[in-house]
Amino acid sequence: MRNATVMPYRVVDDLPLVRAFVREQAHRLGLTADSTDALALAVNELVTNTLQHTSGGGQVRIWYDDASVYCEVVDSGPMRPVRRAMPTPDAERGRGLAIVARICDEVTA
């Protein structure tokens, strides 16, 4: 994890700060505007899940190697499967992890 930067989060009011952190780091690491937007959306969905389903918050960590940018969202909750089917259009919830799985190049739990 060369040159990793970390941001902790604890409450819903931290979401705008987390998105700004992700955007700043993605820009600094040379991601395109579209990739920056996608990463910010994916992290927003993961952090929102943390805040809705666990206690104690978590942290976002971003780093790079010679070929890739990596982002990790860590919380105190149990591991959950990420590769989910998109819920039906009339479902009120459950799209977050499906969105993450669709817009990220790789998702691991």
Protein backbone atom coordinates (compact mmCIF):
# COMPACT_ATOMS: atom_id res chain seq x y z
CA MET A 1 0.00 0.00 0.00
CA ARG A 2 2.36 2.63 -1.25
CA ASN A 3 1.31 6.23 -0.56
CA ALA A 4 -2.00 5.27 1.06
CA THR A 5 -4.23 8.05 2.31
CA VAL A 6 -6.95 7.34 4.86
CA MET A 7 -10.11 9.10 5.97
CA PRO A 8 -12.23 7.90 8.88
CA TYR A 9 -16.00 8.43 8.97
CA ARG A 10 -18.55 7.96 11.74
CA VAL A 11 -21.85 9.70 10.97
CA VAL A 12 -24.07 10.56 7.99
CA ASP A 13 -22.80 14.14 8.08
CA ASP A 14 -19.38 12.74 7.07
CA LEU A 15 -20.69 11.60 3.64
CA PRO A 16 -19.98 14.91 1.83
CA LEU A 17 -16.47 14.93 3.35
CA VAL A 18 -15.87 11.34 2.24
CA ARG A 19 -17.00 12.14 -1.32
CA ALA A 20 -14.74 15.21 -1.40
CA PHE A 21 -11.82 13.15 -0.08
CA VAL A 22 -12.33 10.46 -2.73
CA ARG A 23 -12.63 13.03 -5.52
CA GLU A 24 -9.50 14.87 -4.37
CA GLN A 25 -7.44 11.69 -4.14
CA ALA A 26 -8.73 10.33 -7.45
CA HIS A 27 -7.87 13.61 -9.18
CA ARG A 28 -4.42 13.67 -7.52
CA LEU A 29 -3.77 10.13 -8.76
CA GLY A 30 -4.72 11.05 -12.33
CA LEU A 31 -8.10 9.39 -12.78
CA THR A 32 -10.33 10.80 -15.49
CA ALA A 33 -13.39 12.82 -14.54
CA ASP A 34 -15.67 9.86 -15.37
CA SER A 35 -13.57 7.45 -13.30
CA THR A 36 -13.48 9.95 -10.43
CA ASP A 37 -17.28 10.24 -10.50
CA ALA A 38 -17.68 6.45 -10.59
CA LEU A 39 -15.29 5.95 -7.67
CA ALA A 40 -17.02 8.64 -5.62
CA LEU A 41 -20.41 7.02 -6.29
CA ALA A 42 -19.16 3.54 -5.36
CA VAL A 43 -17.57 4.76 -2.13
CA ASN A 44 -20.68 6.75 -1.27
CA GLU A 45 -22.80 3.59 -1.61
CA LEU A 46 -20.43 1.53 0.54
CA VAL A 47 -20.12 4.18 3.25
CA THR A 48 -23.89 4.64 3.26
CA ASN A 49 -24.29 0.89 3.82
CA THR A 50 -21.81 1.05 6.69
CA LEU A 51 -23.70 3.89 8.33
CA GLN A 52 -27.07 2.17 7.90
CA HIS A 53 -26.09 -1.36 8.90
CA THR A 54 -23.21 -1.13 11.40
CA SER A 55 -22.11 1.00 14.31
CA GLY A 56 -18.84 2.78 14.82
CA GLY A 57 -18.25 4.05 11.29
CA GLY A 58 -15.21 3.01 9.33
CA GLN A 59 -12.50 4.30 7.06
CA VAL A 60 -11.76 4.85 3.39
CA ARG A 61 -8.22 4.11 2.20
CA ILE A 62 -6.90 4.99 -1.28
CA TRP A 63 -3.54 4.00 -2.74
CA TYR A 64 -1.92 3.18 -6.06
CA ASP A 65 0.72 1.07 -7.73
CA ASP A 66 2.31 1.49 -11.12
CA ALA A 67 -0.85 0.48 -12.99
CA SER A 68 -3.90 0.90 -10.76
CA VAL A 69 -5.68 2.96 -8.15
CA TYR A 70 -7.22 1.05 -5.26
CA CYS A 71 -9.87 2.09 -2.78
CA GLU A 72 -10.86 0.17 0.33
CA VAL A 73 -13.85 0.81 2.57
CA VAL A 74 -13.49 -0.89 5.95
CA ASP A 75 -16.06 -1.08 8.74
CA SER A 76 -16.85 -3.23 11.77
CA GLY A 77 -19.73 -5.09 10.14
CA PRO A 78 -19.72 -8.67 8.88
CA MET A 79 -18.53 -9.44 5.36
CA ARG A 80 -21.38 -9.24 2.86
CA PRO A 81 -21.47 -10.53 -0.68
CA VAL A 82 -21.02 -7.71 -3.18
CA ARG A 83 -21.97 -9.31 -6.50
CA ARG A 84 -25.70 -8.86 -6.29
CA ALA A 85 -28.42 -8.82 -8.87
CA MET A 86 -30.08 -5.44 -9.37
CA PRO A 87 -33.39 -5.33 -7.48
CA THR A 88 -36.60 -4.95 -9.41
CA PRO A 89 -37.61 -1.38 -10.35
CA ASP A 90 -40.32 -1.33 -7.68
CA ALA A 91 -37.93 -2.31 -4.85
CA GLU A 92 -37.36 0.47 -2.34
CA ARG A 93 -33.84 -0.61 -1.31
CA GLY A 94 -30.94 -2.87 -2.19
CA ARG A 95 -29.30 -1.18 -5.17
CA GLY A 96 -26.13 0.07 -3.47
CA LEU A 97 -23.96 -3.04 -3.69
CA ALA A 98 -25.30 -3.88 -7.15
CA ILE A 99 -24.28 -0.40 -8.32
CA VAL A 100 -20.82 -0.83 -6.80
CA ALA A 101 -20.39 -4.19 -8.53
CA ARG A 102 -21.36 -2.70 -11.90
CA ILE A 103 -19.19 0.42 -11.90
CA CYS A 104 -15.96 -0.86 -10.32
CA ASP A 105 -13.37 -2.82 -12.26
CA GLU A 106 -12.98 -5.25 -9.37
CA VAL A 107 -14.81 -5.67 -6.06
CA THR A 108 -13.70 -8.03 -3.32
CA ALA A 109 -15.04 -8.62 0.16
